[in-house]
Amino acid sequence: MTTQANPQADESAWPLLPEERRWGAARLTLTLATTAAATWCYLIGESVGSYLGFIKGGLALGAGCMIGMVLVLLAAGPTCVRFGIDSIAASKPQFGSRGWVVPAALQAVSIIGWNSLLIIFFAKSAVQLSVALGILDVGPRNAALVPVLTVLACTIIFTVLRRGATGVSMVSNILVAHVLIGLWMLYLLVSRRWPELIAAQPANASPNHLWNYTTGIELGIGATLSWWPYIGAMIRMAPNGRTIVLPGMLGMAPPRAPPKPTGPPPVPDSPREPNAQLRATRIFRLTLSGPTA
């Protein structure tokens, strides 16, 4: 008797058969990196930038994310990959056949709260980005577009998630352009404003340097640990444990390492193209740091 792979198996919470786990290392890395960059990177980097400078913050945040991802992979990886289940189902040995409801309820609260915040950020950032690009004029009428864009985002998310991990992978193939554009904008900012980035002082830094480093690392660890409820649904698509190690460590941690600049944008030195420079800087902040107000 032979089993036949179901192409829509990832749309359910049932364990995946070995024939249904078709994600390779490249596909898993792309999905994890795009998801991490699109959800967490801008908020975490901006938070660390309040306590540490550009280079020190990047090192502390990168170390914290790597430590946190090791713990997440150790907790979810072996069970999820071996049995083809998600993180909540993998918690039954620890919480029991009834106690698993506790992490499931916490996951539901996290999904509702965090995704609501992201959707609101998306709507506000889209409006402010349109104003920065000159598509919309500044005025109170722009506020009416925020609820419309929020409903649009909810509709798109619902349509994508109905296809399970395959839908997330398809969107990641498109959103990878967002990651590349963000890296390009970061390159422009670093190449043109490097002295200002190095000289910038964190707004909320403590006189105790050890406390600043500890806070930066803890932010990276805490933010990465929050991926435990979600990562199982993606890594269970991998055929074996070796496939998830490098994608997990390189796909989830590095995209969140560079700290994002906070505070007002720098004033251009050259009067020949001040509007273009200010517009590029503001677009960078809207793209990677969310709405400014």
Protein backbone atom coordinates (compact mmCIF):
# COMPACT_ATOMS: atom_id res chain seq x y z
CA MET A 1 0.00 0.00 0.00
CA THR A 2 1.45 3.35 -1.05
CA THR A 3 0.62 6.80 0.22
CA GLN A 4 0.04 9.69 -2.12
CA ALA A 5 1.12 13.23 -1.27
CA ASN A 6 -1.68 15.74 -0.91
CA PRO A 7 -0.70 19.07 -2.54
CA GLN A 8 -3.01 20.91 -0.12
CA ALA A 9 -1.84 19.15 3.02
CA ASP A 10 -0.13 22.26 4.43
CA GLU A 11 -3.50 24.04 4.58
CA SER A 12 -4.50 21.90 7.57
CA ALA A 13 -3.00 21.19 10.99
CA TRP A 14 -2.69 17.46 10.35
CA PRO A 15 0.84 15.99 10.40
CA LEU A 16 2.57 16.09 7.04
CA LEU A 17 3.72 12.91 5.37
CA PRO A 18 7.37 12.68 4.28
CA GLU A 19 6.24 12.99 0.66
CA GLU A 20 4.51 16.29 1.47
CA ARG A 21 7.58 18.02 2.92
CA ARG A 22 9.11 19.51 -0.21
CA TRP A 23 10.79 22.69 0.99
CA GLY A 24 14.51 22.83 0.42
CA ALA A 25 17.05 25.03 2.20
CA ALA A 26 16.79 27.86 -0.36
CA ARG A 27 13.01 28.10 -0.21
CA LEU A 28 12.97 27.93 3.58
CA THR A 29 15.68 30.60 3.88
CA LEU A 30 13.82 32.94 1.55
CA THR A 31 10.56 32.48 3.45
CA LEU A 32 12.09 32.94 6.90
CA ALA A 33 14.23 35.93 5.92
CA THR A 34 11.37 37.73 4.21
CA THR A 35 8.99 37.04 7.09
CA ALA A 36 11.50 38.24 9.69
CA ALA A 37 12.35 41.40 7.76
CA ALA A 38 8.71 42.22 7.05
CA THR A 39 7.46 41.84 10.62
CA TRP A 40 10.07 42.36 13.31
CA CYS A 41 13.19 44.07 11.97
CA TYR A 42 12.13 47.71 11.93
CA LEU A 43 10.63 47.79 15.44
CA ILE A 44 13.46 45.86 17.08
CA GLY A 45 16.20 47.84 15.37
CA GLU A 46 14.60 51.12 16.35
CA SER A 47 14.32 49.97 19.98
CA VAL A 48 17.97 48.94 20.20
CA GLY A 49 18.98 52.22 18.55
CA SER A 50 17.67 54.00 21.64
CA TYR A 51 20.37 52.41 23.82
CA LEU A 52 23.33 51.64 21.54
CA GLY A 53 25.02 53.21 18.55
CA PHE A 54 24.92 51.90 15.01
CA ILE A 55 27.81 49.41 15.16
CA LYS A 56 27.47 48.39 18.82
CA GLY A 57 23.73 48.04 18.48
CA GLY A 58 24.07 45.88 15.39
CA LEU A 59 26.52 43.54 17.13
CA ALA A 60 24.42 43.27 20.31
CA LEU A 61 21.18 42.74 18.43
CA GLY A 62 22.75 40.21 16.08
CA ALA A 63 24.15 38.23 19.01
CA GLY A 64 20.80 38.27 20.80
CA CYS A 65 18.92 37.11 17.71
CA MET A 66 21.36 34.26 17.12
CA ILE A 67 21.07 33.11 20.75
CA GLY A 68 17.29 33.29 20.64
CA MET A 69 17.08 31.40 17.36
CA VAL A 70 19.22 28.57 18.76
CA LEU A 71 16.72 28.18 21.61
CA VAL A 72 13.75 28.32 19.23
CA LEU A 73 15.18 25.68 16.91
CA LEU A 74 16.08 23.42 19.82
CA ALA A 75 12.55 23.73 21.22
CA ALA A 76 10.53 23.35 18.01
CA GLY A 77 12.87 21.90 15.40
CA PRO A 78 13.28 18.21 16.33
CA THR A 79 9.60 17.48 16.98
CA CYS A 80 8.13 19.64 14.20
CA VAL A 81 10.45 18.26 11.52
CA ARG A 82 10.26 14.64 12.63
CA PHE A 83 6.48 14.44 12.80
CA GLY A 84 5.49 17.24 10.39
CA ILE A 85 3.50 19.20 12.98
CA ASP A 86 3.41 22.82 14.10
CA SER A 87 4.78 24.29 17.33
CA ILE A 88 1.51 24.10 19.28
CA ALA A 89 1.02 20.42 18.49
CA ALA A 90 4.66 19.84 19.44
CA SER A 91 3.96 21.22 22.93
CA LYS A 92 1.61 18.36 23.88
CA PRO A 93 4.36 16.21 25.45
CA GLN A 94 5.13 19.07 27.87
CA PHE A 95 1.61 20.42 28.50
CA GLY A 96 -0.46 17.27 28.01
CA SER A 97 -3.45 16.42 25.84
CA ARG A 98 -5.49 19.17 27.53
CA GLY A 99 -2.81 21.58 28.70
CA TRP A 100 -1.77 22.39 25.13
CA VAL A 101 -4.72 24.79 25.16
CA VAL A 102 -2.58 27.18 27.23
CA PRO A 103 0.09 27.83 24.55
CA ALA A 104 -2.64 27.78 21.90
CA ALA A 105 -4.54 30.54 23.73
CA LEU A 106 -1.36 32.56 24.19
CA GLN A 107 -0.61 32.17 20.49
CA ALA A 108 -4.10 33.42 19.61
CA VAL A 109 -3.67 36.49 21.82
CA SER A 110 -0.24 37.17 20.30
CA ILE A 111 -1.57 36.80 16.76
CA ILE A 112 -4.50 39.13 17.36
CA GLY A 113 -2.46 41.81 19.14
CA TRP A 114 0.72 41.77 17.05
CA ASN A 115 -0.94 41.45 13.66
CA SER A 116 -3.39 44.22 14.49
CA LEU A 117 -0.42 46.44 15.27
CA LEU A 118 1.29 45.49 12.02
CA ILE A 119 -1.83 46.15 9.95
CA ILE A 120 -2.27 49.59 11.51
CA PHE A 121 1.40 50.35 10.86
CA PHE A 122 0.99 49.23 7.27
CA ALA A 123 -1.96 51.55 6.68
CA LYS A 124 -0.31 54.58 8.28
CA SER A 125 3.02 53.94 6.57
CA ALA A 126 1.33 53.59 3.18
CA VAL A 127 -0.38 56.97 3.61
CA GLN A 128 2.78 58.71 4.82
CA LEU A 129 4.85 57.11 2.06
CA SER A 130 2.35 58.38 -0.52
CA VAL A 131 2.67 61.87 0.95
CA ALA A 132 6.48 61.67 0.90
CA LEU A 133 6.42 60.60 -2.75
CA GLY A 134 4.03 63.40 -3.67
CA ILE A 135 1.16 61.07 -4.57
CA LEU A 136 -1.07 62.52 -1.86
CA ASP A 137 -1.26 66.02 -0.44
CA VAL A 138 -0.87 66.72 3.25
CA GLY A 139 -4.25 67.10 4.90
CA PRO A 140 -6.76 65.60 7.32
CA ARG A 141 -8.50 63.74 4.49
CA ASN A 142 -5.63 61.27 4.37
CA ALA A 143 -6.75 59.89 7.73
CA ALA A 144 -9.82 58.41 6.04
CA LEU A 145 -7.55 56.18 3.93
CA VAL A 146 -6.16 54.37 6.98
CA PRO A 147 -9.32 52.30 7.71
CA VAL A 148 -9.71 51.50 4.00
CA LEU A 149 -6.13 50.24 3.73
CA THR A 150 -6.56 48.29 6.97
CA VAL A 151 -9.56 46.42 5.57
CA LEU A 152 -7.65 45.82 2.33
CA ALA A 153 -4.70 44.38 4.27
CA CYS A 154 -6.98 42.07 6.27
CA THR A 155 -8.54 40.79 3.04
CA ILE A 156 -5.15 40.07 1.48
CA ILE A 157 -3.88 38.33 4.63
CA PHE A 158 -6.99 36.15 4.86
CA THR A 159 -6.67 35.14 1.21
CA VAL A 160 -2.98 34.27 1.56
CA LEU A 161 -3.28 32.31 4.81
CA ARG A 162 -6.07 30.17 3.42
CA ARG A 163 -3.38 28.48 1.31
CA GLY A 164 -1.26 27.62 4.33
CA ALA A 165 2.53 27.54 4.15
CA THR A 166 2.36 27.55 0.34
CA GLY A 167 0.62 30.93 0.41
CA VAL A 168 3.27 32.33 2.76
CA SER A 169 6.00 31.07 0.46
CA MET A 170 4.36 32.63 -2.60
CA VAL A 171 4.09 36.01 -0.87
CA SER A 172 7.72 35.73 0.28
CA ASN A 173 8.82 35.40 -3.34
CA ILE A 174 7.22 38.80 -3.96
CA LEU A 175 8.16 40.53 -0.71
CA VAL A 176 11.82 39.64 -1.14
CA ALA A 177 11.93 42.78 -3.28
CA HIS A 178 11.04 44.72 -0.11
CA VAL A 179 14.10 43.28 1.60
CA LEU A 180 16.36 44.20 -1.31
CA ILE A 181 14.95 47.73 -1.47
CA GLY A 182 15.45 48.11 2.28
CA LEU A 183 19.07 46.98 1.99
CA TRP A 184 19.59 49.44 -0.88
CA MET A 185 18.18 52.29 1.19
CA LEU A 186 20.35 51.24 4.12
CA TYR A 187 23.37 51.30 1.80
CA LEU A 188 22.51 54.82 0.65
CA LEU A 189 22.16 56.02 4.21
CA VAL A 190 25.41 54.39 5.34
CA SER A 191 27.41 55.53 2.30
CA ARG A 192 26.19 59.13 2.46
CA ARG A 193 25.66 59.64 6.22
CA TRP A 194 28.31 57.46 7.80
CA PRO A 195 29.89 60.23 9.94
CA GLU A 196 26.45 61.19 11.30
CA LEU A 197 25.62 57.56 12.09
CA ILE A 198 28.86 57.05 13.98
CA ALA A 199 28.57 60.34 15.85
CA ALA A 200 24.90 59.88 16.76
CA GLN A 201 24.23 59.37 20.47
CA PRO A 202 21.44 57.00 21.60
CA ALA A 203 18.53 58.93 23.07
CA ASN A 204 17.90 56.70 26.11
CA ALA A 205 21.37 55.27 26.74
CA SER A 206 22.32 54.50 30.33
CA PRO A 207 25.66 55.62 31.84
CA ASN A 208 26.23 51.93 32.53
CA HIS A 209 27.56 50.54 29.25
CA LEU A 210 27.06 46.95 30.39
CA TRP A 211 23.35 47.66 30.90
CA ASN A 212 23.07 49.03 27.37
CA TYR A 213 24.72 45.95 25.87
CA THR A 214 22.60 43.64 28.04
CA THR A 215 19.43 45.42 26.95
CA GLY A 216 20.36 45.14 23.29
CA ILE A 217 21.05 41.43 23.58
CA GLU A 218 17.88 40.83 25.61
CA LEU A 219 15.77 42.60 22.99
CA GLY A 220 17.19 40.29 20.34
CA ILE A 221 16.64 37.16 22.44
CA GLY A 222 13.11 38.13 23.51
CA ALA A 223 12.01 39.08 20.02
CA THR A 224 13.36 35.86 18.52
CA LEU A 225 11.81 33.66 21.22
CA SER A 226 8.43 35.07 20.25
CA TRP A 227 8.78 33.22 16.94
CA TRP A 228 8.39 29.83 18.59
CA PRO A 229 4.59 29.59 18.03
CA TYR A 230 4.92 30.41 14.32
CA ILE A 231 8.14 28.84 13.09
CA GLY A 232 6.87 25.28 13.39
CA ALA A 233 4.32 25.81 10.62
CA MET A 234 7.18 26.66 8.24
CA ILE A 235 9.98 24.32 9.25
CA ARG A 236 7.63 21.32 9.21
CA MET A 237 7.67 21.67 5.41
CA ALA A 238 11.36 20.67 5.43
CA PRO A 239 12.26 17.00 4.84
CA ASN A 240 14.82 16.67 7.67
CA GLY A 241 16.53 18.48 10.50
CA ARG A 242 19.66 19.36 8.54
CA THR A 243 17.59 21.45 6.15
CA ILE A 244 16.34 23.85 8.85
CA VAL A 245 19.57 24.70 10.69
CA LEU A 246 21.22 27.18 8.32
CA PRO A 247 17.93 28.68 7.04
CA GLY A 248 16.82 29.22 10.62
CA MET A 249 20.06 30.79 11.80
CA LEU A 250 20.80 32.82 8.66
CA GLY A 251 17.23 33.53 7.59
CA MET A 252 15.74 34.72 10.87
CA ALA A 253 18.60 36.36 12.78
CA PRO A 254 20.69 38.50 10.35
CA PRO A 255 17.73 40.37 8.72
CA ARG A 256 17.00 41.94 12.12
CA ALA A 257 20.55 42.79 13.15
CA PRO A 258 21.11 46.29 11.66
CA PRO A 259 19.77 48.91 14.10
CA LYS A 260 17.51 51.49 12.50
CA PRO A 261 18.15 55.22 12.92
CA THR A 262 15.84 57.10 15.25
CA GLY A 263 15.19 60.78 15.63
CA PRO A 264 14.87 63.46 12.94
CA PRO A 265 16.39 62.88 9.49
CA PRO A 266 19.74 64.56 8.83
CA VAL A 267 19.89 67.87 7.06
CA PRO A 268 21.61 67.61 3.66
CA ASP A 269 24.96 69.31 3.22
CA SER A 270 24.54 70.11 -0.45
CA PRO A 271 21.90 72.69 -1.41
CA ARG A 272 21.68 71.29 -4.95
CA GLU A 273 19.34 68.42 -4.11
CA PRO A 274 18.00 68.92 -0.58
CA ASN A 275 14.49 67.75 -1.39
CA ALA A 276 15.68 64.50 -2.94
CA GLN A 277 17.97 63.73 0.00
CA LEU A 278 15.34 64.51 2.61
CA ARG A 279 12.76 62.54 0.67
CA ALA A 280 15.06 59.50 0.40
CA THR A 281 15.82 59.64 4.12
CA ARG A 282 12.17 59.92 5.05
CA ILE A 283 11.21 57.08 2.72
CA PHE A 284 13.91 54.97 4.39
CA ARG A 285 12.42 55.66 7.80
CA LEU A 286 8.88 54.95 6.62
CA THR A 287 9.94 51.70 4.97
CA LEU A 288 12.04 50.26 7.78
CA SER A 289 10.89 52.10 10.89
CA GLY A 290 7.13 52.30 10.43
CA PRO A 291 4.91 55.37 10.66
CA THR A 292 6.37 58.47 12.26
CA ALA A 293 3.16 59.65 13.86
